[in-house]
Amino acid sequence: MTNTPVSPESTAQKKRLSRKQKIVAGVGVLAGVAVAASVTVGVVSSRDSSEQQKAADTAQEFDLSSANVDDRVRLEEVPEAVKQLKESGFEPVKPGTLTVATAATAPPLGQLAEDDNKTVVGEEADLAQLVADGLGLKLKLVNVSWSDWPLGVQSGKYDIVASNVTVTDERKKLFDFASTRQDLLGFLVSSDSDVDSITEAEDISGLKLSVSSGTNQEKVLLEWNKTLKKAGKKPAELVYYDDMAASTLAIASGRIDGFLGPNPTSQFQVKTGDGKFKVVGTVEGGWPETAPIAIGTDKGNGLIEPIHTVVQSALDDGSYSKVLKRWGLQDEAVEKSEINPAGIPENVGK
């Protein structure tokens, strides 16, 4: 079954149901490489008026309503991928449909639409749409708890996961991956916080930080806590919430000092939080190593080859770039997709 591409000039653009949120284009890596040189990246007070004007001039509007789905970038069926899928013998959970697990808890990567609280919108959903289109399948997105996707993919409940998953050597034992994006984490704190720089373990000593369970960012903080304990310093207290909204509320109310999560989501909060938040530092997603974000499948089921073919096709024809630009993440683009690229080694605490 082939999906009919939808015109990017869909009339749904004129029927928005929710408020639009202004975000600087390139929000995912507003800090970018500059973070390595400046620990105050993301703090508005460190920017002069010309930089602020430049940011305003490059602002883009994000629609988080269910109508957003009608404006997704679409991809023609990729014959080579369809052939690979047929030859693999893989049978989707639901015939003719690609069932995708994703955690819709952190825009711009993914969230439930503001008007119906059930439609999944965001960058990961859009990439999943390209993959489904290229394979000649319909798309079914399933909102899951991030920690639940591994068992769901392994058990065959979901065909793939598209949820900001970083490639690790440990995960590669159980899953196959096709890389889709670079990985960067950001420390989010209240704009009036005394914390103005987090770049290493000693910077989190004694802080109360929110982090999602089972993620690489949790592993980073756990490793930093080990370093603090060895040095006789007080470790950070880790707090776990179900979603980003709960974490930002806790920061705003002073219950916690900050949050470590994907840099795109942290920057999103800065740009849509009415001056309530700031990013005080970033760290590689697999600190001290680095590895890409990827779409994942169950190990050895033959699905990753056709998925990789579709992702590379989307890279080549520009639809991939359009998706990332749509969500302000173009600076996190990869030049090519790889099957099971180098992952974060197990011997570095990850």
Protein backbone atom coordinates (compact mmCIF):
# COMPACT_ATOMS: atom_id res chain seq x y z
CA MET A 1 0.00 0.00 0.00
CA THR A 2 1.36 3.42 -0.94
CA ASN A 3 0.68 6.66 0.87
CA THR A 4 -0.29 9.60 -1.32
CA PRO A 5 2.11 12.50 -0.68
CA VAL A 6 0.43 15.51 0.89
CA SER A 7 1.15 18.95 -0.51
CA PRO A 8 3.22 21.09 1.84
CA GLU A 9 0.77 23.88 1.03
CA SER A 10 -2.08 21.97 2.68
CA THR A 11 -5.11 24.07 3.48
CA ALA A 12 -4.86 22.78 7.03
CA GLN A 13 -2.26 25.46 7.54
CA LYS A 14 -5.11 27.95 7.61
CA LYS A 15 -7.07 26.06 10.25
CA ARG A 16 -4.82 26.03 13.25
CA LEU A 17 -6.56 25.16 16.52
CA SER A 18 -3.79 25.87 19.01
CA ARG A 19 -1.52 28.66 19.93
CA LYS A 20 1.68 28.94 17.93
CA GLN A 21 4.98 28.94 19.72
CA LYS A 22 7.91 31.00 18.53
CA ILE A 23 11.24 29.23 18.51
CA VAL A 24 14.59 30.18 17.08
CA ALA A 25 15.42 28.20 13.97
CA GLY A 26 18.13 25.77 14.93
CA VAL A 27 16.83 25.50 18.49
CA GLY A 28 18.16 21.95 18.83
CA VAL A 29 21.72 23.18 18.80
CA LEU A 30 21.43 26.82 19.74
CA ALA A 31 24.41 26.07 21.93
CA GLY A 32 26.10 23.98 19.24
CA VAL A 33 29.85 23.80 19.15
CA ALA A 34 30.03 27.07 21.02
CA VAL A 35 29.14 25.26 24.23
CA ALA A 36 32.60 23.81 24.43
CA ALA A 37 33.99 27.31 24.56
CA SER A 38 31.29 29.07 26.56
CA VAL A 39 29.63 27.68 29.65
CA THR A 40 27.00 30.42 29.64
CA VAL A 41 25.46 29.42 26.33
CA GLY A 42 21.72 29.77 26.38
CA VAL A 43 21.76 32.43 29.12
CA VAL A 44 20.07 35.48 27.64
CA SER A 45 22.10 37.93 29.73
CA SER A 46 25.27 36.80 27.97
CA ARG A 47 24.01 37.90 24.58
CA ASP A 48 24.18 41.44 23.23
CA SER A 49 21.25 43.24 21.61
CA SER A 50 22.35 42.46 18.06
CA GLU A 51 22.40 38.74 18.84
CA GLN A 52 18.96 39.01 20.40
CA GLN A 53 17.66 40.78 17.31
CA LYS A 54 19.20 38.14 15.08
CA ALA A 55 17.45 35.44 17.11
CA ALA A 56 14.14 37.28 16.79
CA ASP A 57 14.60 37.65 13.04
CA THR A 58 15.12 33.90 12.62
CA ALA A 59 12.21 32.83 14.80
CA GLN A 60 9.81 30.25 13.43
CA GLU A 61 6.33 29.26 14.48
CA PHE A 62 5.63 25.71 15.63
CA ASP A 63 2.10 24.43 15.46
CA LEU A 64 1.37 21.82 18.14
CA SER A 65 -2.23 21.10 17.18
CA SER A 66 -3.51 17.89 15.59
CA ALA A 67 -3.72 19.76 12.27
CA ASN A 68 0.08 19.61 12.26
CA VAL A 69 -0.19 16.06 10.91
CA ASP A 70 -1.67 17.31 7.65
CA ASP A 71 1.46 19.36 6.99
CA ARG A 72 3.99 16.60 7.49
CA VAL A 73 6.72 16.29 4.88
CA ARG A 74 5.94 13.22 2.80
CA LEU A 75 8.08 10.83 0.78
CA GLU A 76 7.32 8.79 -2.32
CA GLU A 77 7.56 5.02 -2.01
CA VAL A 78 11.18 3.89 -2.38
CA PRO A 79 11.19 0.84 -4.72
CA GLU A 80 14.50 -0.53 -3.44
CA ALA A 81 13.30 -0.38 0.16
CA VAL A 82 9.98 -2.01 -0.69
CA LYS A 83 11.89 -4.81 -2.43
CA GLN A 84 14.20 -5.24 0.55
CA LEU A 85 11.24 -5.38 2.90
CA LYS A 86 9.56 -8.09 0.84
CA GLU A 87 12.75 -10.12 0.56
CA SER A 88 13.43 -9.85 4.31
CA GLY A 89 10.32 -11.81 5.13
CA PHE A 90 9.47 -9.35 7.90
CA GLU A 91 5.77 -9.12 8.71
CA PRO A 92 4.56 -5.91 10.38
CA VAL A 93 2.58 -6.16 13.60
CA LYS A 94 -0.41 -4.89 11.64
CA PRO A 95 -0.46 -5.82 7.93
CA GLY A 96 0.16 -2.83 5.68
CA THR A 97 1.07 -0.63 8.65
CA LEU A 98 4.29 0.44 10.36
CA THR A 99 3.66 0.45 14.12
CA VAL A 100 6.04 2.86 15.82
CA ALA A 101 6.74 3.25 19.54
CA THR A 102 7.51 6.81 20.60
CA ALA A 103 7.46 8.73 23.87
CA ALA A 104 5.43 11.88 23.17
CA THR A 105 6.55 13.77 26.25
CA ALA A 106 9.10 16.35 25.10
CA PRO A 107 8.64 18.79 22.22
CA PRO A 108 9.99 19.41 19.64
CA LEU A 109 10.91 15.71 19.54
CA GLY A 110 7.39 14.60 20.37
CA GLN A 111 4.28 15.51 22.30
CA LEU A 112 0.52 14.98 22.25
CA ALA A 113 -1.36 17.65 20.29
CA GLU A 114 -2.65 20.48 22.44
CA ASP A 115 -6.20 20.38 21.06
CA ASP A 116 -6.97 16.66 21.39
CA ASN A 117 -4.26 15.30 23.75
CA LYS A 118 -3.92 12.13 21.66
CA THR A 119 -2.36 12.92 18.28
CA VAL A 120 1.42 12.55 18.35
CA VAL A 121 3.28 15.48 16.76
CA GLY A 122 6.98 16.28 16.60
CA GLU A 123 10.22 15.58 14.79
CA GLU A 124 10.37 11.86 15.62
CA ALA A 125 6.80 11.37 14.39
CA ASP A 126 7.66 13.15 11.15
CA LEU A 127 10.71 10.94 10.55
CA ALA A 128 8.58 7.88 11.22
CA GLN A 129 6.15 9.17 8.59
CA LEU A 130 8.96 9.32 6.02
CA VAL A 131 9.97 5.74 6.83
CA ALA A 132 6.41 4.47 6.53
CA ASP A 133 5.93 6.32 3.24
CA GLY A 134 9.16 4.98 1.79
CA LEU A 135 8.22 1.42 2.72
CA GLY A 136 4.75 1.82 1.18
CA LEU A 137 3.03 1.41 4.55
CA LYS A 138 0.54 3.37 6.62
CA LEU A 139 1.83 4.88 9.86
CA LYS A 140 0.60 4.05 13.34
CA LEU A 141 2.25 5.95 16.18
CA VAL A 142 1.91 4.53 19.69
CA ASN A 143 2.70 6.82 22.62
CA VAL A 144 4.63 4.79 25.21
CA SER A 145 6.68 5.40 28.31
CA TRP A 146 10.27 5.75 27.11
CA SER A 147 11.47 2.93 29.34
CA ASP A 148 8.85 0.56 27.88
CA TRP A 149 9.93 0.58 24.24
CA PRO A 150 12.72 -2.06 24.52
CA LEU A 151 10.43 -4.87 25.66
CA GLY A 152 7.72 -3.72 23.25
CA VAL A 153 10.03 -3.87 20.22
CA GLN A 154 11.58 -7.16 21.31
CA SER A 155 8.21 -8.80 21.89
CA GLY A 156 6.90 -7.70 18.50
CA LYS A 157 4.31 -5.32 19.92
CA TYR A 158 5.90 -2.50 17.91
CA ASP A 159 7.79 -2.71 14.63
CA ILE A 160 10.27 0.06 15.42
CA VAL A 161 11.13 2.71 17.98
CA ALA A 162 11.57 6.35 16.97
CA SER A 163 12.06 8.19 20.23
CA ASN A 164 15.42 9.94 20.52
CA VAL A 165 17.26 6.66 21.16
CA THR A 166 21.05 6.91 21.33
CA VAL A 167 23.04 4.01 19.89
CA THR A 168 25.02 2.10 22.52
CA ASP A 169 27.03 -1.10 22.31
CA GLU A 170 24.75 -2.60 24.94
CA ARG A 171 21.60 -1.79 22.94
CA LYS A 172 23.16 -3.13 19.75
CA LYS A 173 23.21 -6.58 21.32
CA LEU A 174 19.41 -6.59 21.25
CA PHE A 175 18.49 -4.11 18.52
CA ASP A 176 19.54 -2.93 15.07
CA PHE A 177 19.80 0.79 14.34
CA ALA A 178 19.75 3.27 11.45
CA SER A 179 21.21 6.63 12.49
CA THR A 180 19.07 9.74 12.03
CA ARG A 181 20.48 12.62 14.11
CA GLN A 182 23.38 13.84 16.25
CA ASP A 183 23.01 13.68 20.03
CA LEU A 184 23.37 16.48 22.56
CA LEU A 185 22.02 16.95 26.10
CA GLY A 186 21.19 20.23 27.84
CA PHE A 187 21.00 21.32 31.49
CA LEU A 188 17.83 23.35 32.09
CA VAL A 189 17.41 25.51 35.20
CA SER A 190 15.25 28.40 36.35
CA SER A 191 16.25 31.75 34.83
CA ASP A 192 16.79 33.20 38.32
CA SER A 193 18.86 30.22 39.48
CA ASP A 194 22.29 30.82 40.98
CA VAL A 195 23.49 27.92 38.83
CA ASP A 196 25.01 29.47 35.71
CA SER A 197 27.35 26.75 34.48
CA ILE A 198 27.30 22.96 34.40
CA THR A 199 30.12 21.38 32.45
CA GLU A 200 31.50 18.67 34.73
CA ALA A 201 30.75 16.48 37.74
CA GLU A 202 31.65 18.98 40.45
CA ASP A 203 29.10 21.44 39.04
CA ILE A 204 26.18 19.21 40.07
CA SER A 205 27.38 18.51 43.61
CA GLY A 206 24.46 18.91 46.03
CA LEU A 207 21.94 19.79 43.34
CA LYS A 208 18.54 18.15 42.95
CA LEU A 209 18.18 17.23 39.27
CA SER A 210 15.38 15.64 37.30
CA VAL A 211 16.20 13.00 34.69
CA SER A 212 14.29 10.30 32.81
CA SER A 213 14.81 6.70 33.93
CA GLY A 214 16.72 4.34 31.65
CA THR A 215 18.20 7.10 29.49
CA ASN A 216 21.79 7.97 28.66
CA GLN A 217 21.39 11.26 30.49
CA GLU A 218 20.62 9.30 33.64
CA LYS A 219 23.82 7.30 33.09
CA VAL A 220 25.81 10.51 32.71
CA LEU A 221 24.54 11.80 36.05
CA LEU A 222 25.08 8.46 37.78
CA GLU A 223 28.66 8.41 36.50
CA TRP A 224 29.23 11.98 37.66
CA ASN A 225 27.85 11.04 41.09
CA LYS A 226 30.40 8.24 41.31
CA THR A 227 33.14 10.77 40.61
CA LEU A 228 31.79 13.07 43.33
CA LYS A 229 31.60 10.29 45.90
CA LYS A 230 35.18 9.23 45.17
CA ALA A 231 36.26 12.84 45.70
CA GLY A 232 34.38 13.00 49.00
CA LYS A 233 31.86 15.49 47.65
CA LYS A 234 28.09 15.42 47.93
CA PRO A 235 26.44 13.78 44.90
CA ALA A 236 23.45 15.21 43.11
CA GLU A 237 20.01 13.96 44.14
CA LEU A 238 18.22 12.48 41.12
CA VAL A 239 14.47 12.93 40.82
CA TYR A 240 12.30 11.06 38.32
CA TYR A 241 9.18 12.44 36.63
CA ASP A 242 7.01 10.93 33.90
CA ASP A 243 7.32 13.81 31.46
CA MET A 244 8.97 17.12 30.68
CA ALA A 245 5.95 19.14 31.84
CA ALA A 246 6.31 17.77 35.37
CA SER A 247 10.02 18.55 35.37
CA THR A 248 9.61 22.14 34.21
CA LEU A 249 6.85 22.71 36.76
CA ALA A 250 9.15 21.39 39.48
CA ILE A 251 11.92 23.73 38.33
CA ALA A 252 9.60 26.74 38.20
CA SER A 253 8.26 25.99 41.68
CA GLY A 254 11.72 25.50 43.17
CA ARG A 255 11.24 21.81 44.08
CA ILE A 256 14.28 20.86 42.01
CA ASP A 257 17.32 22.74 40.74
CA GLY A 258 17.27 21.57 37.16
CA PHE A 259 16.72 18.96 34.49
CA LEU A 260 19.08 17.08 32.16
CA GLY A 261 17.50 15.95 28.92
CA PRO A 262 17.83 16.18 25.14
CA ASN A 263 19.14 19.64 24.26
CA PRO A 264 16.32 20.24 21.74
CA THR A 265 13.71 19.92 24.49
CA SER A 266 15.67 22.08 26.90
CA GLN A 267 16.08 24.82 24.30
CA PHE A 268 12.38 24.53 23.47
CA GLN A 269 11.55 25.34 27.08
CA VAL A 270 13.83 28.38 27.01
CA LYS A 271 12.17 29.75 23.88
CA THR A 272 8.59 29.08 24.96
CA GLY A 273 8.88 29.53 28.73
CA ASP A 274 8.29 33.29 28.92
CA GLY A 275 11.73 33.87 30.38
CA LYS A 276 11.36 31.26 33.13
CA PHE A 277 14.27 29.03 32.08
CA LYS A 278 17.84 29.01 30.84
CA VAL A 279 20.26 26.37 29.57
CA VAL A 280 23.53 26.50 31.50
CA GLY A 281 25.55 23.90 29.67
CA THR A 282 25.48 20.93 27.32
CA VAL A 283 27.16 17.56 27.23
CA GLU A 284 27.50 14.87 24.59
CA GLY A 285 24.65 12.39 24.78
CA GLY A 286 27.03 9.54 25.54
CA TRP A 287 29.55 11.42 27.64
CA PRO A 288 32.50 10.98 27.56
CA GLU A 289 31.87 9.28 24.24
CA THR A 290 29.44 10.28 21.51
CA ALA A 291 27.05 8.34 19.29
CA PRO A 292 24.10 9.22 17.06
CA ILE A 293 20.36 9.11 17.62
CA ALA A 294 18.73 6.31 15.62
CA ILE A 295 15.60 4.41 14.69
CA GLY A 296 15.67 0.93 16.21
CA THR A 297 14.30 -2.51 15.32
CA ASP A 298 14.48 -5.92 16.94
CA LYS A 299 17.85 -7.56 16.31
CA GLY A 300 18.20 -9.53 13.09
CA ASN A 301 14.60 -9.31 11.90
CA GLY A 302 15.63 -7.90 8.51
CA LEU A 303 13.78 -4.61 8.90
CA ILE A 304 16.74 -2.31 9.46
CA GLU A 305 18.09 -2.60 5.88
CA PRO A 306 14.93 -1.27 4.19
CA ILE A 307 14.57 1.40 6.89
CA HIS A 308 18.14 2.53 6.28
CA THR A 309 17.46 2.68 2.56
CA VAL A 310 14.46 4.93 3.16
CA VAL A 311 16.31 7.24 5.56
CA GLN A 312 19.20 7.60 3.11
CA SER A 313 16.74 8.27 0.29
CA ALA A 314 15.13 11.00 2.41
CA LEU A 315 18.58 12.46 3.05
CA ASP A 316 19.34 12.45 -0.66
CA ASP A 317 16.08 14.02 -1.86
CA GLY A 318 15.91 16.73 0.82
CA SER A 319 12.80 15.56 2.66
CA TYR A 320 14.90 14.67 5.71
CA SER A 321 16.29 18.22 5.84
CA LYS A 322 12.78 19.65 5.56
CA VAL A 323 11.67 17.65 8.59
CA LEU A 324 14.56 18.82 10.75
CA LYS A 325 14.13 22.42 9.60
CA ARG A 326 10.43 22.20 10.39
CA TRP A 327 11.30 21.48 14.00
CA GLY A 328 14.37 23.71 14.30
CA LEU A 329 16.81 20.80 14.47
CA GLN A 330 18.69 21.20 11.19
CA ASP A 331 22.03 21.68 12.94
CA GLU A 332 21.73 18.18 14.39
CA ALA A 333 21.51 16.60 10.94
CA VAL A 334 23.72 13.69 9.93
CA GLU A 335 25.36 13.65 6.50
CA LYS A 336 24.46 10.01 5.95
CA SER A 337 22.60 7.24 7.71
CA GLU A 338 24.52 4.22 8.97
CA ILE A 339 23.37 0.77 10.03
CA ASN A 340 24.56 -0.03 13.55
CA PRO A 341 27.10 2.82 13.74
CA ALA A 342 29.67 3.06 16.51
CA GLY A 343 27.79 3.17 19.78
CA ILE A 344 28.62 4.30 23.28
CA PRO A 345 30.97 1.64 24.71
CA GLU A 346 29.89 -0.38 27.73
CA ASN A 347 33.25 0.20 29.40
CA VAL A 348 32.71 3.92 29.94
CA GLY A 349 29.89 3.56 32.43
CA LYS A 350 27.16 3.58 29.81
